[in-house]
Each structure stands twice: as C-alpha cells, then as structure tokens.
C-alpha cells in the first residue's frame, strides 16, 4: 500500500511557475552562476565569438577626444567682474578717485572705448567670415593671421581691456584701472595658455611660426 502511494507520488508532474511571476532574489542570484557557466562553455566550444564579449566592454572607452581648448570660464566675465568689484569698492569701501578733470577724462575714455569696440568687432568679423566660432572652447579649423591678428594674437582680450580702461576713466575710478593687469593675468591663466597649448598640438609648426612673429598682446 505504501509502495503504491510512493509510486503515485513519483508520477505527479512538477509544479510550474505561473506566467508573469518573477524570480525572487535567491532564485535570481542562483541562476547567475549557471548563465556564466553556459557562456564559458560556449566560448570553449567555439560556438560564440569571444570578440562579442570584448566589444561590449570597450566601445564606451573609445570615444573621440573633444576638439577644442580646455577653457572652462568665459573670459569676458573676468572683465565684467573686475568692473563690478571695482565699482563696489569705490562706492562702498574705499573711494579711489582719478585726479583728472572731467572733460579730458571723458575724451580719453571715448577714444579707448571706440578703439576697443573696433578691435573686438574686427576680430569677430574675421571669425564669421572664416566660418569659425569665437568662443575659445570651440574647435579651431584654421589659424587666422589677417586683419587685426597681424598685430596681436589676442585682439578680443586687448579690446576688452581697452573697454575696461574706458569705463574706469569715465567713472574716475582707479580701482577699475588698477584691476586691468590682474584681469590680463587671470585671462592668461584661465584661457590663453589653454588656447595656445591646443593650437600648438593641432597646427604644430604653423602656429609656432605665427606665435613667433606676432605678440601675445601688442
């Protein structure tokens, strides 16, 4: 009788998991080693090309390097911050007036402003005509050596310095004028040196020859 019952129990089909029921965490982790063993077996038998597994691992690592200078902070903001800080220091902390009469001061400021705007506009116009973006972190497809670039390698930064000079003169604020050398040093450290390194890597001897023949500032 017991033997018949055990035989009947042996014939009972195994319970199937209902459709839509997910494996619990212990069962899911138990299946992972079996999957790895199956993949290893297929590799040994030559059923699967091993390059397929390497491809999944290396494609994300082979991305092309970005073409552009490693400039992280827009240089015009350095000039703007210097003007704002100089104005606040003059108005709220320690006035530092410029001892020049108003009329000649305004005349010199106007001349400096016109010169600065003209230089910046000429540089931007050359960029536009050659299809380049003036942002220093964008790609440079060719070296511009015409126009204002025959006299300075950084006409935009020179022009912005002249505009800052004109603002300091017009306001009679020596703080703004005193910040100009500091601004140029910061612009060199945060932008120009990265631009020059990028151009040397990309254009080599061509840029080195231009760099040797034209000054950085004036």
N, C-alpha and C. Protein backbone atom coordinates (compact mmCIF):
# COMPACT_ATOMS: atom_id res chain seq x y z
N UNK A 1 0.85 -1.21 0.00
CA UNK A 1 0.00 0.00 0.00
C UNK A 1 0.87 1.25 0.00
N UNK A 2 1.90 1.27 0.84
CA UNK A 2 2.81 2.41 0.90
C UNK A 2 3.62 2.50 -0.36
N UNK A 3 3.95 1.34 -0.92
CA UNK A 3 4.72 1.34 -2.17
C UNK A 3 3.91 1.93 -3.29
N UNK A 4 2.59 1.61 -3.34
CA UNK A 4 1.71 2.16 -4.40
C UNK A 4 1.59 3.66 -4.24
N UNK A 5 1.46 4.15 -2.98
CA UNK A 5 1.34 5.59 -2.76
C UNK A 5 2.61 6.32 -3.20
N UNK A 6 3.79 5.74 -2.92
CA UNK A 6 5.03 6.40 -3.32
C UNK A 6 5.17 6.41 -4.82
N UNK A 7 4.69 5.35 -5.46
CA UNK A 7 4.75 5.33 -6.93
C UNK A 7 3.84 6.38 -7.50
N UNK A 8 2.65 6.55 -6.89
CA UNK A 8 1.73 7.58 -7.37
C UNK A 8 2.30 8.98 -7.18
N UNK A 9 3.01 9.17 -6.03
CA UNK A 9 3.62 10.47 -5.80
C UNK A 9 4.71 10.76 -6.82
N UNK A 10 5.46 9.75 -7.22
CA UNK A 10 6.55 9.94 -8.19
C UNK A 10 6.02 10.33 -9.54
N UNK A 11 4.80 9.89 -9.90
CA UNK A 11 4.23 10.19 -11.22
C UNK A 11 3.62 11.58 -11.30
N UNK A 12 3.45 12.25 -10.14
CA UNK A 12 2.85 13.57 -10.16
C UNK A 12 3.78 14.56 -10.87
N UNK A 13 3.26 15.38 -11.82
CA UNK A 13 4.12 16.34 -12.55
C UNK A 13 4.60 17.44 -11.62
N UNK A 14 5.81 17.98 -11.96
CA UNK A 14 6.36 19.07 -11.15
C UNK A 14 5.53 20.33 -11.34
N UNK A 15 5.43 21.10 -10.27
CA UNK A 15 4.65 22.33 -10.33
C UNK A 15 5.35 23.35 -11.19
N UNK A 16 4.58 23.98 -12.09
CA UNK A 16 5.13 25.03 -12.95
C UNK A 16 4.84 26.40 -12.34
N UNK A 17 5.79 27.31 -12.57
CA UNK A 17 5.62 28.66 -12.08
C UNK A 17 4.60 29.39 -12.94
N UNK A 18 3.58 29.99 -12.38
CA UNK A 18 2.58 30.72 -13.18
C UNK A 18 3.25 31.81 -14.01
N UNK A 19 2.66 32.04 -15.18
CA UNK A 19 3.20 33.08 -16.08
C UNK A 19 3.09 34.44 -15.41
N UNK A 20 4.14 35.28 -15.62
CA UNK A 20 4.13 36.64 -15.07
C UNK A 20 4.72 36.73 -13.68
N UNK A 21 5.06 35.57 -13.05
CA UNK A 21 5.63 35.59 -11.71
C UNK A 21 7.14 35.68 -11.85
N UNK A 22 7.76 36.69 -11.26
CA UNK A 22 9.19 36.92 -11.37
C UNK A 22 9.93 36.07 -10.35
N UNK A 23 11.19 35.77 -10.64
CA UNK A 23 12.01 35.04 -9.70
C UNK A 23 12.27 35.89 -8.47
N UNK A 24 12.23 35.28 -7.32
CA UNK A 24 12.61 36.00 -6.12
C UNK A 24 14.13 36.17 -6.12
N UNK A 25 14.65 37.00 -5.23
CA UNK A 25 16.06 37.33 -5.24
C UNK A 25 16.97 36.11 -5.08
N UNK A 26 16.71 35.16 -4.16
CA UNK A 26 17.60 34.00 -4.05
C UNK A 26 17.63 33.19 -5.35
N UNK A 27 16.45 32.99 -6.00
CA UNK A 27 16.42 32.20 -7.23
C UNK A 27 17.15 32.92 -8.36
N UNK A 28 16.99 34.27 -8.44
CA UNK A 28 17.63 35.03 -9.50
C UNK A 28 19.15 34.95 -9.35
N UNK A 29 19.66 35.11 -8.13
CA UNK A 29 21.09 35.03 -7.92
C UNK A 29 21.61 33.62 -8.16
N UNK A 30 20.79 32.62 -7.93
CA UNK A 30 21.21 31.25 -8.17
C UNK A 30 21.39 30.97 -9.65
N UNK A 31 20.61 31.68 -10.50
CA UNK A 31 20.71 31.46 -11.94
C UNK A 31 21.93 32.13 -12.55
N UNK A 32 22.48 33.19 -11.91
CA UNK A 32 23.60 33.90 -12.49
C UNK A 32 24.83 33.02 -12.70
N UNK A 33 25.26 32.21 -11.73
CA UNK A 33 26.41 31.34 -11.99
C UNK A 33 26.17 30.39 -13.16
N UNK A 34 24.91 29.88 -13.29
CA UNK A 34 24.63 28.96 -14.41
C UNK A 34 24.78 29.67 -15.74
N UNK A 35 24.35 30.96 -15.81
CA UNK A 35 24.50 31.71 -17.05
C UNK A 35 25.96 31.91 -17.39
N UNK A 36 26.77 32.25 -16.39
CA UNK A 36 28.19 32.44 -16.64
C UNK A 36 28.84 31.14 -17.10
N UNK A 37 28.45 30.01 -16.47
CA UNK A 37 28.99 28.71 -16.89
C UNK A 37 28.61 28.40 -18.32
N UNK A 38 27.34 28.73 -18.70
CA UNK A 38 26.91 28.48 -20.08
C UNK A 38 27.71 29.31 -21.06
N UNK A 39 27.96 30.58 -20.74
CA UNK A 39 28.75 31.43 -21.63
C UNK A 39 30.18 30.93 -21.74
N UNK A 40 30.76 30.52 -20.60
CA UNK A 40 32.12 30.00 -20.65
C UNK A 40 32.19 28.73 -21.49
N UNK A 41 31.17 27.87 -21.35
CA UNK A 41 31.16 26.65 -22.15
C UNK A 41 31.05 26.95 -23.64
N UNK A 42 30.19 27.89 -24.02
CA UNK A 42 30.06 28.24 -25.44
C UNK A 42 31.36 28.81 -25.99
N UNK A 43 32.08 29.59 -25.17
CA UNK A 43 33.35 30.13 -25.62
C UNK A 43 34.37 29.03 -25.85
N UNK A 44 34.43 28.04 -24.92
CA UNK A 44 35.38 26.94 -25.08
C UNK A 44 35.07 26.10 -26.31
N UNK A 45 33.79 25.91 -26.62
CA UNK A 45 33.40 25.09 -27.75
C UNK A 45 33.44 25.83 -29.07
N UNK A 46 33.70 27.14 -29.03
CA UNK A 46 33.77 27.91 -30.26
C UNK A 46 32.42 28.27 -30.83
N UNK A 47 31.35 28.13 -30.01
CA UNK A 47 30.02 28.45 -30.50
C UNK A 47 29.83 29.96 -30.61
N UNK A 48 30.43 30.73 -29.70
CA UNK A 48 30.29 32.18 -29.67
C UNK A 48 31.66 32.81 -29.90
N UNK A 49 31.70 33.83 -30.74
CA UNK A 49 32.93 34.56 -31.00
C UNK A 49 33.29 35.38 -29.76
N UNK A 50 34.46 35.18 -29.14
CA UNK A 50 34.81 35.92 -27.91
C UNK A 50 34.90 37.42 -28.12
N UNK A 51 35.06 37.89 -29.39
CA UNK A 51 35.13 39.33 -29.61
C UNK A 51 33.83 40.04 -29.27
N UNK A 52 32.72 39.29 -29.29
CA UNK A 52 31.43 39.90 -28.95
C UNK A 52 31.41 40.39 -27.51
N UNK A 53 32.03 39.60 -26.62
CA UNK A 53 32.05 39.99 -25.22
C UNK A 53 33.00 41.16 -24.99
N UNK A 54 34.14 41.20 -25.70
CA UNK A 54 35.07 42.32 -25.57
C UNK A 54 34.48 43.60 -26.12
N UNK A 55 33.67 43.50 -27.17
CA UNK A 55 33.09 44.69 -27.80
C UNK A 55 32.20 45.44 -26.83
N UNK A 56 31.41 44.74 -26.05
CA UNK A 56 30.52 45.38 -25.09
C UNK A 56 31.32 46.15 -24.04
N UNK A 57 32.53 45.68 -23.74
CA UNK A 57 33.30 46.31 -22.67
C UNK A 57 34.07 47.53 -23.14
N UNK A 58 34.48 47.58 -24.40
CA UNK A 58 35.42 48.60 -24.84
C UNK A 58 34.80 49.72 -25.67
N UNK A 59 33.59 49.57 -26.17
CA UNK A 59 33.07 50.60 -27.05
C UNK A 59 32.92 51.94 -26.35
N UNK A 60 32.52 51.97 -25.08
CA UNK A 60 32.33 53.23 -24.38
C UNK A 60 33.65 53.91 -24.05
N UNK A 61 34.77 53.16 -24.11
CA UNK A 61 36.06 53.73 -23.77
C UNK A 61 36.72 54.40 -24.97
N UNK A 62 36.30 54.06 -26.18
CA UNK A 62 36.96 54.55 -27.38
C UNK A 62 36.26 55.76 -27.98
N UNK A 63 35.82 56.70 -27.16
CA UNK A 63 35.15 57.90 -27.65
C UNK A 63 36.20 58.90 -28.11
N UNK A 64 35.94 59.64 -29.21
CA UNK A 64 36.94 60.57 -29.71
C UNK A 64 37.15 61.74 -28.76
N UNK A 65 38.40 62.26 -28.72
CA UNK A 65 38.71 63.39 -27.85
C UNK A 65 38.07 64.65 -28.40
N UNK A 66 37.56 65.48 -27.51
CA UNK A 66 36.88 66.70 -27.93
C UNK A 66 37.89 67.67 -28.52
N UNK A 67 37.54 68.27 -29.67
CA UNK A 67 38.43 69.19 -30.36
C UNK A 67 38.14 70.62 -29.90
N UNK A 68 39.00 71.15 -29.05
CA UNK A 68 38.81 72.50 -28.54
C UNK A 68 39.74 72.75 -27.37
N UNK A 69 39.98 74.02 -27.07
CA UNK A 69 40.83 74.39 -25.95
C UNK A 69 40.12 74.12 -24.63
N UNK A 70 40.89 73.81 -23.61
CA UNK A 70 40.33 73.46 -22.29
C UNK A 70 40.04 74.73 -21.49
N UNK A 71 39.19 75.59 -22.03
CA UNK A 71 38.79 76.83 -21.35
C UNK A 71 37.48 76.57 -20.63
N UNK A 72 37.43 76.80 -19.34
CA UNK A 72 36.26 76.47 -18.53
C UNK A 72 35.43 77.69 -18.12
N UNK A 73 36.03 78.87 -18.18
CA UNK A 73 35.33 80.08 -17.73
C UNK A 73 35.38 81.13 -18.83
N UNK A 74 34.25 81.70 -19.23
CA UNK A 74 34.25 82.68 -20.32
C UNK A 74 35.07 83.92 -19.96
N UNK A 75 36.11 84.24 -20.73
CA UNK A 75 36.97 85.39 -20.41
C UNK A 75 36.23 86.72 -20.27
N UNK A 76 35.18 87.04 -21.07
CA UNK A 76 34.52 88.33 -20.87
C UNK A 76 33.98 88.54 -19.46
N UNK A 77 33.62 87.44 -18.79
CA UNK A 77 33.12 87.57 -17.43
C UNK A 77 34.19 88.05 -16.46
N UNK A 78 35.46 87.76 -16.75
CA UNK A 78 36.55 88.23 -15.88
C UNK A 78 36.60 89.76 -15.90
N UNK A 79 36.48 90.35 -17.10
CA UNK A 79 36.46 91.81 -17.21
C UNK A 79 35.22 92.39 -16.51
N UNK A 80 34.09 91.75 -16.71
CA UNK A 80 32.86 92.24 -16.11
C UNK A 80 32.93 92.21 -14.59
N UNK A 81 33.43 91.13 -14.04
CA UNK A 81 33.54 91.00 -12.58
C UNK A 81 34.48 92.07 -12.03
N UNK A 82 35.59 92.32 -12.74
CA UNK A 82 36.54 93.34 -12.28
C UNK A 82 35.89 94.72 -12.24
N UNK A 83 35.09 95.05 -13.25
CA UNK A 83 34.42 96.36 -13.27
C UNK A 83 33.42 96.45 -12.12
N UNK A 84 32.67 95.38 -11.88
CA UNK A 84 31.67 95.40 -10.80
C UNK A 84 32.34 95.51 -9.43
N UNK A 85 33.38 94.72 -9.21
CA UNK A 85 34.08 94.76 -7.92
C UNK A 85 34.73 96.12 -7.71
N UNK A 86 35.36 96.67 -8.78
CA UNK A 86 35.98 97.99 -8.65
C UNK A 86 34.96 99.07 -8.33
N UNK A 87 33.77 98.98 -8.95
CA UNK A 87 32.73 99.95 -8.66
C UNK A 87 32.23 99.85 -7.23
N UNK A 88 32.07 98.62 -6.72
CA UNK A 88 31.61 98.43 -5.35
C UNK A 88 32.64 98.90 -4.33
N UNK A 89 33.92 98.60 -4.60
CA UNK A 89 34.97 99.06 -3.69
C UNK A 89 35.00 100.59 -3.63
N UNK A 90 34.86 101.21 -4.79
CA UNK A 90 34.92 102.68 -4.84
C UNK A 90 33.71 103.31 -4.13
N UNK A 91 32.55 102.68 -4.27
CA UNK A 91 31.33 103.27 -3.73
C UNK A 91 31.09 102.93 -2.27
N UNK A 92 31.50 101.73 -1.84
CA UNK A 92 31.10 101.26 -0.52
C UNK A 92 32.25 101.08 0.47
N UNK A 93 33.46 100.88 -0.03
CA UNK A 93 34.56 100.54 0.88
C UNK A 93 35.56 101.68 0.99
N UNK A 94 36.26 101.93 -0.11
CA UNK A 94 37.32 102.95 -0.09
C UNK A 94 37.34 103.68 -1.42
N UNK A 95 36.84 104.90 -1.48
CA UNK A 95 36.87 105.65 -2.74
C UNK A 95 38.32 105.87 -3.20
N UNK A 96 38.53 105.66 -4.52
CA UNK A 96 39.86 105.87 -5.08
C UNK A 96 39.68 106.66 -6.37
N UNK A 97 39.52 107.96 -6.25
CA UNK A 97 39.20 108.78 -7.42
C UNK A 97 40.42 109.00 -8.31
N UNK A 98 40.13 109.30 -9.56
CA UNK A 98 41.17 109.60 -10.54
C UNK A 98 41.29 111.12 -10.67
N UNK A 99 42.46 111.66 -10.37
CA UNK A 99 42.62 113.10 -10.34
C UNK A 99 42.83 113.72 -11.70
N UNK A 100 41.91 113.53 -12.62
CA UNK A 100 41.97 114.13 -13.95
C UNK A 100 40.66 114.88 -14.17
N UNK A 101 40.70 116.10 -14.72
CA UNK A 101 39.46 116.84 -14.98
C UNK A 101 38.50 116.05 -15.86
N UNK A 102 37.23 116.37 -15.72
CA UNK A 102 36.18 115.58 -16.37
C UNK A 102 36.30 115.57 -17.90
N UNK A 103 36.50 116.75 -18.50
CA UNK A 103 36.47 116.80 -19.97
C UNK A 103 37.58 115.96 -20.61
N UNK A 104 38.84 116.15 -20.26
CA UNK A 104 39.86 115.28 -20.88
C UNK A 104 39.68 113.80 -20.53
N UNK A 105 39.17 113.55 -19.32
CA UNK A 105 38.93 112.16 -18.92
C UNK A 105 37.89 111.50 -19.82
N UNK A 106 36.81 112.22 -20.13
CA UNK A 106 35.76 111.67 -20.99
C UNK A 106 36.27 111.50 -22.42
N UNK A 107 37.08 112.43 -22.88
CA UNK A 107 37.63 112.32 -24.24
C UNK A 107 38.52 111.09 -24.38
N UNK A 108 39.39 110.87 -23.41
CA UNK A 108 40.28 109.70 -23.45
C UNK A 108 39.47 108.42 -23.33
N UNK A 109 38.44 108.44 -22.47
CA UNK A 109 37.59 107.26 -22.30
C UNK A 109 36.86 106.93 -23.59
N UNK A 110 36.36 107.94 -24.28
CA UNK A 110 35.65 107.70 -25.54
C UNK A 110 36.58 107.11 -26.59
N UNK A 111 37.81 107.64 -26.66
CA UNK A 111 38.77 107.11 -27.64
C UNK A 111 39.12 105.66 -27.32
N UNK A 112 39.33 105.35 -26.04
CA UNK A 112 39.64 103.97 -25.66
C UNK A 112 38.48 103.03 -25.94
N UNK A 113 37.26 103.51 -25.69
CA UNK A 113 36.09 102.67 -25.94
C UNK A 113 35.93 102.39 -27.44
N UNK A 114 36.09 103.42 -28.27
CA UNK A 114 35.97 103.22 -29.72
C UNK A 114 37.03 102.27 -30.24
N UNK A 115 38.25 102.43 -29.74
CA UNK A 115 39.33 101.54 -30.17
C UNK A 115 39.05 100.10 -29.73
N UNK A 116 38.58 99.92 -28.50
CA UNK A 116 38.29 98.57 -28.01
C UNK A 116 37.18 97.89 -28.79
N UNK A 117 36.10 98.64 -29.03
CA UNK A 117 34.97 98.07 -29.79
C UNK A 117 35.40 97.74 -31.22
N UNK A 118 36.19 98.62 -31.85
CA UNK A 118 36.65 98.38 -33.21
C UNK A 118 37.52 97.12 -33.29
N UNK A 119 38.40 96.93 -32.33
CA UNK A 119 39.28 95.76 -32.34
C UNK A 119 38.46 94.48 -32.16
N UNK A 120 37.56 94.48 -31.19
CA UNK A 120 36.73 93.29 -30.97
C UNK A 120 35.87 93.00 -32.18
N UNK A 121 35.27 94.04 -32.77
CA UNK A 121 34.41 93.84 -33.93
C UNK A 121 35.19 93.29 -35.12
N UNK A 122 36.42 93.79 -35.33
CA UNK A 122 37.24 93.29 -36.42
C UNK A 122 37.57 91.81 -36.23
N UNK A 123 37.91 91.43 -34.99
CA UNK A 123 38.24 90.03 -34.71
C UNK A 123 37.03 89.13 -34.91
N UNK A 124 35.87 89.54 -34.41
CA UNK A 124 34.67 88.73 -34.57
C UNK A 124 34.29 88.62 -36.05
N UNK A 125 34.46 89.73 -36.81
CA UNK A 125 34.16 89.68 -38.24
C UNK A 125 35.04 88.69 -38.98
N UNK A 126 36.32 88.60 -38.62
CA UNK A 126 37.20 87.62 -39.25
C UNK A 126 36.77 86.20 -38.91
N UNK A 127 36.34 85.98 -37.67
CA UNK A 127 35.84 84.66 -37.30
C UNK A 127 34.62 84.30 -38.13
N UNK A 128 33.69 85.23 -38.26
CA UNK A 128 32.46 84.95 -39.00
C UNK A 128 32.75 84.65 -40.47
N UNK A 129 33.66 85.44 -41.05
CA UNK A 129 33.95 85.26 -42.48
C UNK A 129 34.64 83.93 -42.77
N UNK A 130 35.37 83.42 -41.81
CA UNK A 130 36.03 82.12 -42.00
C UNK A 130 35.20 80.95 -41.45
N UNK A 131 33.99 81.25 -40.99
CA UNK A 131 33.10 80.19 -40.51
C UNK A 131 33.49 79.60 -39.18
N UNK A 132 34.17 80.37 -38.34
CA UNK A 132 34.61 79.89 -37.03
C UNK A 132 33.76 80.49 -35.93
N UNK A 133 33.79 79.81 -34.78
CA UNK A 133 33.09 80.30 -33.60
C UNK A 133 34.09 81.00 -32.69
N UNK A 134 33.82 82.25 -32.28
CA UNK A 134 34.79 82.97 -31.44
C UNK A 134 34.93 82.44 -30.02
N UNK A 135 34.04 81.55 -29.60
CA UNK A 135 34.18 81.01 -28.24
C UNK A 135 35.49 80.23 -28.15
N UNK A 136 36.30 80.47 -27.14
CA UNK A 136 37.64 79.85 -27.09
C UNK A 136 37.62 78.34 -26.89
N UNK A 137 36.52 77.78 -26.39
CA UNK A 137 36.48 76.34 -26.17
C UNK A 137 35.96 75.56 -27.39
N UNK A 138 35.58 76.26 -28.44
CA UNK A 138 35.13 75.59 -29.66
C UNK A 138 36.31 75.23 -30.56
N UNK A 139 36.05 74.36 -31.54
CA UNK A 139 37.10 73.90 -32.44
C UNK A 139 37.62 75.05 -33.31
N UNK A 140 38.92 75.01 -33.61
CA UNK A 140 39.55 75.98 -34.50
C UNK A 140 39.99 75.27 -35.77
N UNK A 141 39.27 75.42 -36.88
CA UNK A 141 39.63 74.71 -38.10
C UNK A 141 40.85 75.30 -38.82
N UNK A 142 41.14 76.60 -38.60
CA UNK A 142 42.29 77.21 -39.24
C UNK A 142 42.78 78.40 -38.41
N UNK A 143 44.05 78.76 -38.62
CA UNK A 143 44.63 79.89 -37.91
C UNK A 143 44.33 81.17 -38.69
N UNK A 144 43.82 82.19 -37.99
CA UNK A 144 43.57 83.48 -38.62
C UNK A 144 44.79 84.37 -38.36
N UNK A 145 45.39 84.84 -39.43
CA UNK A 145 46.57 85.71 -39.30
C UNK A 145 46.41 87.01 -40.07
N UNK A 146 45.20 87.30 -40.52
CA UNK A 146 44.94 88.53 -41.28
C UNK A 146 44.31 89.58 -40.38
N UNK A 147 44.12 90.79 -40.93
CA UNK A 147 43.44 91.84 -40.18
C UNK A 147 44.17 92.19 -38.91
N UNK A 148 43.40 92.33 -37.83
CA UNK A 148 43.97 92.72 -36.55
C UNK A 148 44.90 91.64 -35.99
N UNK A 149 44.76 90.41 -36.48
CA UNK A 149 45.61 89.32 -36.00
C UNK A 149 47.04 89.42 -36.52
N UNK A 150 47.33 90.38 -37.38
CA UNK A 150 48.71 90.65 -37.78
C UNK A 150 49.48 91.39 -36.70
N UNK A 151 48.75 92.02 -35.74
CA UNK A 151 49.39 92.87 -34.73
C UNK A 151 49.30 92.28 -33.32
N UNK A 152 48.34 91.45 -33.07
CA UNK A 152 48.17 90.83 -31.76
C UNK A 152 47.51 89.46 -31.92
N UNK A 153 47.95 88.50 -31.10
CA UNK A 153 47.35 87.16 -31.17
C UNK A 153 46.03 87.08 -30.40
N UNK A 154 45.77 88.07 -29.57
CA UNK A 154 44.55 88.05 -28.74
C UNK A 154 43.82 89.39 -28.83
N UNK A 155 43.34 89.76 -30.00
CA UNK A 155 42.72 91.08 -30.13
C UNK A 155 41.46 91.25 -29.31
N UNK A 156 40.69 90.18 -29.10
CA UNK A 156 39.46 90.31 -28.32
C UNK A 156 39.78 90.68 -26.87
N UNK A 157 40.80 90.06 -26.31
CA UNK A 157 41.15 90.35 -24.92
C UNK A 157 41.76 91.75 -24.80
N UNK A 158 42.53 92.17 -25.81
CA UNK A 158 43.06 93.53 -25.82
C UNK A 158 41.92 94.55 -25.92
N UNK A 159 40.96 94.26 -26.80
CA UNK A 159 39.82 95.17 -26.95
C UNK A 159 39.00 95.28 -25.68
N UNK A 160 38.79 94.16 -25.00
CA UNK A 160 38.04 94.20 -23.74
C UNK A 160 38.79 94.97 -22.67
N UNK A 161 40.12 94.88 -22.67
CA UNK A 161 40.91 95.65 -21.71
C UNK A 161 40.78 97.15 -21.98
N UNK A 162 40.73 97.52 -23.26
CA UNK A 162 40.53 98.94 -23.60
C UNK A 162 39.14 99.41 -23.16
N UNK A 163 38.16 98.55 -23.29
CA UNK A 163 36.80 98.92 -22.84
C UNK A 163 36.78 99.08 -21.32
N UNK A 164 37.45 98.19 -20.61
CA UNK A 164 37.54 98.35 -19.15
C UNK A 164 38.27 99.64 -18.79
N UNK A 165 39.32 99.96 -19.54
CA UNK A 165 40.03 101.22 -19.32
C UNK A 165 39.11 102.42 -19.51
N UNK A 166 38.29 102.36 -20.56
CA UNK A 166 37.39 103.48 -20.82
C UNK A 166 36.35 103.63 -19.71
N UNK A 167 35.87 102.52 -19.17
CA UNK A 167 34.89 102.60 -18.08
C UNK A 167 35.52 103.22 -16.83
N UNK A 168 36.74 102.79 -16.51
CA UNK A 168 37.42 103.35 -15.34
C UNK A 168 37.69 104.84 -15.48
N UNK A 169 38.08 105.26 -16.72
CA UNK A 169 38.32 106.68 -16.95
C UNK A 169 37.03 107.48 -16.86
N UNK A 170 35.99 106.98 -17.48
CA UNK A 170 34.72 107.72 -17.48
C UNK A 170 34.16 107.88 -16.08
N UNK A 171 34.32 106.88 -15.25
CA UNK A 171 33.80 106.94 -13.88
C UNK A 171 34.79 107.57 -12.91
N UNK A 172 36.00 107.83 -13.36
CA UNK A 172 37.02 108.37 -12.46
C UNK A 172 37.36 107.40 -11.35
N UNK A 173 37.40 106.09 -11.67
CA UNK A 173 37.56 105.04 -10.66
C UNK A 173 38.90 104.34 -10.87
N UNK A 174 39.83 104.59 -9.96
CA UNK A 174 41.16 103.98 -10.09
C UNK A 174 41.15 102.49 -9.77
N UNK A 175 40.16 102.03 -9.02
CA UNK A 175 40.07 100.59 -8.75
C UNK A 175 39.92 99.81 -10.06
N UNK A 176 39.03 100.27 -10.91
CA UNK A 176 38.80 99.58 -12.18
C UNK A 176 40.05 99.59 -13.04
N UNK A 177 40.76 100.73 -13.04
CA UNK A 177 42.00 100.80 -13.81
C UNK A 177 43.08 99.90 -13.22
N UNK A 178 43.18 99.85 -11.89
CA UNK A 178 44.21 99.04 -11.25
C UNK A 178 43.99 97.55 -11.45
N UNK A 179 42.74 97.16 -11.70
CA UNK A 179 42.44 95.74 -11.89
C UNK A 179 42.81 95.24 -13.29
N UNK A 180 43.14 96.12 -14.21
CA UNK A 180 43.41 95.68 -15.59
C UNK A 180 44.58 94.69 -15.66
N UNK A 181 45.75 94.97 -15.05
CA UNK A 181 46.83 93.96 -15.09
C UNK A 181 46.43 92.63 -14.46
N UNK A 182 45.67 92.69 -13.35
CA UNK A 182 45.20 91.46 -12.71
C UNK A 182 44.27 90.68 -13.64
N UNK A 183 43.38 91.39 -14.32
CA UNK A 183 42.46 90.74 -15.25
C UNK A 183 43.22 90.05 -16.37
N UNK A 184 44.22 90.72 -16.94
CA UNK A 184 45.00 90.12 -18.02
C UNK A 184 45.75 88.87 -17.54
N UNK A 185 46.23 88.91 -16.29
CA UNK A 185 46.91 87.73 -15.74
C UNK A 185 45.94 86.57 -15.57
N UNK A 186 44.72 86.87 -15.10
CA UNK A 186 43.72 85.81 -14.92
C UNK A 186 43.28 85.25 -16.27
N UNK A 187 43.09 86.13 -17.25
CA UNK A 187 42.69 85.66 -18.58
C UNK A 187 43.77 84.78 -19.19
N UNK A 188 45.02 85.14 -18.97
CA UNK A 188 46.11 84.28 -19.46
C UNK A 188 46.06 82.91 -18.79
N UNK A 189 45.90 82.90 -17.47
CA UNK A 189 45.92 81.63 -16.74
C UNK A 189 44.73 80.74 -17.05
N UNK A 190 43.56 81.34 -17.26
CA UNK A 190 42.34 80.55 -17.44
C UNK A 190 41.98 80.29 -18.90
N UNK A 191 42.55 81.07 -19.83
CA UNK A 191 42.13 80.93 -21.23
C UNK A 191 43.31 80.87 -22.19
N UNK A 192 44.15 81.88 -22.20
CA UNK A 192 45.16 82.00 -23.26
C UNK A 192 46.13 80.82 -23.26
N UNK A 193 46.61 80.43 -22.11
CA UNK A 193 47.58 79.32 -22.09
C UNK A 193 46.96 78.02 -22.59
N UNK A 194 45.68 77.81 -22.32
CA UNK A 194 45.00 76.62 -22.82
C UNK A 194 44.78 76.71 -24.33
N UNK A 195 44.45 77.91 -24.80
CA UNK A 195 44.27 78.09 -26.24
C UNK A 195 45.58 77.86 -26.98
N UNK A 196 46.68 78.41 -26.47
CA UNK A 196 47.96 78.25 -27.14
C UNK A 196 48.41 76.78 -27.14
N UNK A 197 48.20 76.09 -26.03
CA UNK A 197 48.56 74.66 -25.99
C UNK A 197 47.75 73.86 -27.00
N UNK A 198 46.46 74.16 -27.10
CA UNK A 198 45.59 73.47 -28.07
C UNK A 198 46.04 73.74 -29.50
N UNK A 199 46.33 75.00 -29.83
CA UNK A 199 46.74 75.35 -31.19
C UNK A 199 48.11 74.76 -31.54
N UNK A 200 49.00 74.68 -30.57
CA UNK A 200 50.30 74.05 -30.83
C UNK A 200 50.14 72.56 -31.11
N UNK A 201 49.26 71.90 -30.37
CA UNK A 201 49.02 70.46 -30.63
C UNK A 201 48.39 70.26 -32.00
N UNK A 202 47.47 71.11 -32.37
CA UNK A 202 46.71 70.89 -33.60
C UNK A 202 47.46 71.32 -34.86
N UNK A 203 48.14 72.48 -34.80
CA UNK A 203 48.75 73.03 -36.01
C UNK A 203 50.28 72.95 -36.02
N UNK A 204 50.88 72.63 -34.88
CA UNK A 204 52.31 72.40 -34.84
C UNK A 204 53.14 73.59 -35.30
N UNK A 205 54.03 73.34 -36.29
CA UNK A 205 54.99 74.35 -36.74
C UNK A 205 54.31 75.58 -37.31
N UNK A 206 53.13 75.40 -37.92
CA UNK A 206 52.43 76.56 -38.50
C UNK A 206 52.07 77.57 -37.42
N UNK A 207 51.52 77.10 -36.30
CA UNK A 207 51.16 78.02 -35.23
C UNK A 207 52.40 78.55 -34.52
N UNK A 208 53.43 77.73 -34.37
CA UNK A 208 54.65 78.20 -33.71
C UNK A 208 55.29 79.34 -34.50
N UNK A 209 55.24 79.25 -35.83
CA UNK A 209 55.79 80.33 -36.64
C UNK A 209 54.96 81.60 -36.47
N UNK A 210 53.64 81.47 -36.45
CA UNK A 210 52.78 82.64 -36.22
C UNK A 210 53.02 83.21 -34.82
N UNK A 211 53.13 82.33 -33.84
CA UNK A 211 53.35 82.76 -32.46
C UNK A 211 54.66 83.53 -32.32
N UNK A 212 55.66 83.12 -33.09
CA UNK A 212 56.96 83.78 -33.02
C UNK A 212 56.94 85.16 -33.69
N UNK A 213 56.09 85.34 -34.68
CA UNK A 213 56.08 86.58 -35.46
C UNK A 213 55.11 87.64 -34.93
N UNK A 214 54.14 87.25 -34.10
CA UNK A 214 53.12 88.19 -33.61
C UNK A 214 53.10 88.14 -32.09
N UNK A 215 53.00 89.30 -31.46
CA UNK A 215 52.99 89.37 -29.99
C UNK A 215 51.67 88.85 -29.41
N UNK A 216 51.75 88.46 -28.14
CA UNK A 216 50.54 87.99 -27.46
C UNK A 216 49.56 89.13 -27.24
N UNK A 217 50.06 90.29 -26.85
CA UNK A 217 49.18 91.42 -26.56
C UNK A 217 49.32 92.48 -27.65
N UNK A 218 50.32 93.33 -27.56
CA UNK A 218 50.52 94.39 -28.56
C UNK A 218 52.00 94.50 -28.92
